[in-house]
Amino acid sequence: MHKHQNDNDVAIDEMNLDARIDHYRREIADLTPPATFREEVLVNVYRCLLQRYDKEHHTSHQALT
C-alpha cells in the first residue's frame, strides 16, 4: 500500500504548476497498479487533473499564436 504524505511535505496548492504535474505523475507511477479502491480513485483523479492541465495549456498556447 502507498504511504501517505507526511506533515513535512509541501502542500499541493503551494506548488507551481510544473511541480504539481511532476507530483501527479510520480503519484500515478507509485500507485500503479492500485492496491486499494482509494488508490484507484486517486490515480483516476490525478489522471483527470493532468488531462485538464494539458487541455488548458494547449488552449492558452493556441491563444498566444
C-alpha atoms as a PDB file:
ATOM      1  CA  MET A   1       0.000   0.000   0.000  1.00  0.00           C
ATOM      2  CA  HIS A   2       1.176   3.509  -0.819  1.00  0.00           C
ATOM      3  CA  LYS A   3       2.388   5.600   2.088  1.00  0.00           C
ATOM      4  CA  HIS A   4       0.627   8.886   2.725  1.00  0.00           C
ATOM      5  CA  GLN A   5       2.361  12.235   2.626  1.00  0.00           C
ATOM      6  CA  ASN A   6       3.658  13.414   5.949  1.00  0.00           C
ATOM      7  CA  ASP A   7       3.396  16.831   7.530  1.00  0.00           C
ATOM      8  CA  ASN A   8       6.819  17.863   6.177  1.00  0.00           C
ATOM      9  CA  ASP A   9       5.674  17.639   2.556  1.00  0.00           C
ATOM     10  CA  VAL A  10       4.759  20.805   0.700  1.00  0.00           C
ATOM     11  CA  ALA A  11       1.028  21.296   0.207  1.00  0.00           C
ATOM     12  CA  ILE A  12      -0.142  20.798  -3.367  1.00  0.00           C
ATOM     13  CA  ASP A  13      -1.668  24.267  -3.509  1.00  0.00           C
ATOM     14  CA  GLU A  14       1.733  25.782  -2.645  1.00  0.00           C
ATOM     15  CA  MET A  15       3.411  24.127  -5.648  1.00  0.00           C
ATOM     16  CA  ASN A  16       3.835  25.811  -9.008  1.00  0.00           C
ATOM     17  CA  LEU A  17       2.151  24.158 -11.988  1.00  0.00           C
ATOM     18  CA  ASP A  18       5.207  22.222 -13.177  1.00  0.00           C
ATOM     19  CA  ALA A  19       5.806  20.858  -9.676  1.00  0.00           C
ATOM     20  CA  ARG A  20       2.161  19.787  -9.415  1.00  0.00           C
ATOM     21  CA  ILE A  21       2.333  17.995 -12.748  1.00  0.00           C
ATOM     22  CA  ASP A  22       5.526  16.198 -11.678  1.00  0.00           C
ATOM     23  CA  HIS A  23       3.915  15.287  -8.359  1.00  0.00           C
ATOM     24  CA  TYR A  24       0.814  13.839 -10.035  1.00  0.00           C
ATOM     25  CA  ARG A  25       2.939  11.833 -12.486  1.00  0.00           C
ATOM     26  CA  ARG A  26       5.050  10.414  -9.640  1.00  0.00           C
ATOM     27  CA  GLU A  27       1.935   9.531  -7.661  1.00  0.00           C
ATOM     28  CA  ILE A  28       0.402   7.763 -10.664  1.00  0.00           C
ATOM     29  CA  ALA A  29       3.620   5.775 -11.137  1.00  0.00           C
ATOM     30  CA  ASP A  30       3.787   4.918  -7.418  1.00  0.00           C
ATOM     31  CA  LEU A  31       0.126   3.866  -7.256  1.00  0.00           C
ATOM     32  CA  THR A  32       0.092   1.760 -10.428  1.00  0.00           C
ATOM     33  CA  PRO A  33      -1.280  -0.808 -10.127  1.00  0.00           C
ATOM     34  CA  PRO A  34      -3.556   0.422  -7.350  1.00  0.00           C
ATOM     35  CA  ALA A  35      -3.721  -1.883  -4.332  1.00  0.00           C
ATOM     36  CA  THR A  36      -6.945  -0.452  -2.920  1.00  0.00           C
ATOM     37  CA  PHE A  37     -10.084   1.275  -4.127  1.00  0.00           C
ATOM     38  CA  ARG A  38      -8.789   4.529  -2.613  1.00  0.00           C
ATOM     39  CA  GLU A  39      -5.605   4.289  -4.657  1.00  0.00           C
ATOM     40  CA  GLU A  40      -7.634   3.554  -7.791  1.00  0.00           C
ATOM     41  CA  VAL A  41      -9.698   6.695  -7.189  1.00  0.00           C
ATOM     42  CA  LEU A  42      -6.539   8.766  -6.594  1.00  0.00           C
ATOM     43  CA  VAL A  43      -4.988   7.537  -9.850  1.00  0.00           C
ATOM     44  CA  ASN A  44      -8.163   8.493 -11.722  1.00  0.00           C
ATOM     45  CA  VAL A  45      -8.250  11.941 -10.094  1.00  0.00           C
ATOM     46  CA  TYR A  46      -4.575  12.568 -10.875  1.00  0.00           C
ATOM     47  CA  ARG A  47      -5.083  11.491 -14.500  1.00  0.00           C
ATOM     48  CA  CYS A  48      -8.072  13.830 -14.837  1.00  0.00           C
ATOM     49  CA  LEU A  49      -6.064  16.716 -13.375  1.00  0.00           C
ATOM     50  CA  LEU A  50      -3.206  16.065 -15.796  1.00  0.00           C
ATOM     51  CA  GLN A  51      -5.646  15.978 -18.713  1.00  0.00           C
ATOM     52  CA  ARG A  52      -7.177  19.266 -17.550  1.00  0.00           C
ATOM     53  CA  TYR A  53      -3.765  20.927 -17.228  1.00  0.00           C
ATOM     54  CA  ASP A  54      -2.803  19.624 -20.666  1.00  0.00           C
ATOM     55  CA  LYS A  55      -6.025  20.936 -22.201  1.00  0.00           C
ATOM     56  CA  GLU A  56      -5.637  24.348 -20.511  1.00  0.00           C
ATOM     57  CA  HIS A  57      -2.011  24.586 -21.620  1.00  0.00           C
ATOM     58  CA  HIS A  58      -2.949  23.663 -25.188  1.00  0.00           C
ATOM     59  CA  THR A  59      -5.801  26.197 -25.190  1.00  0.00           C
ATOM     60  CA  SER A  60      -3.654  29.003 -23.755  1.00  0.00           C
ATOM     61  CA  HIS A  61      -0.846  28.163 -26.190  1.00  0.00           C
ATOM     62  CA  GLN A  62      -3.263  28.432 -29.133  1.00  0.00           C
ATOM     63  CA  ALA A  63      -4.459  31.818 -27.879  1.00  0.00           C
ATOM     64  CA  LEU A  64      -0.880  33.099 -27.958  1.00  0.00           C
ATOM     65  CA  THR A  65      -0.299  32.067 -31.580  1.00  0.00           C
END
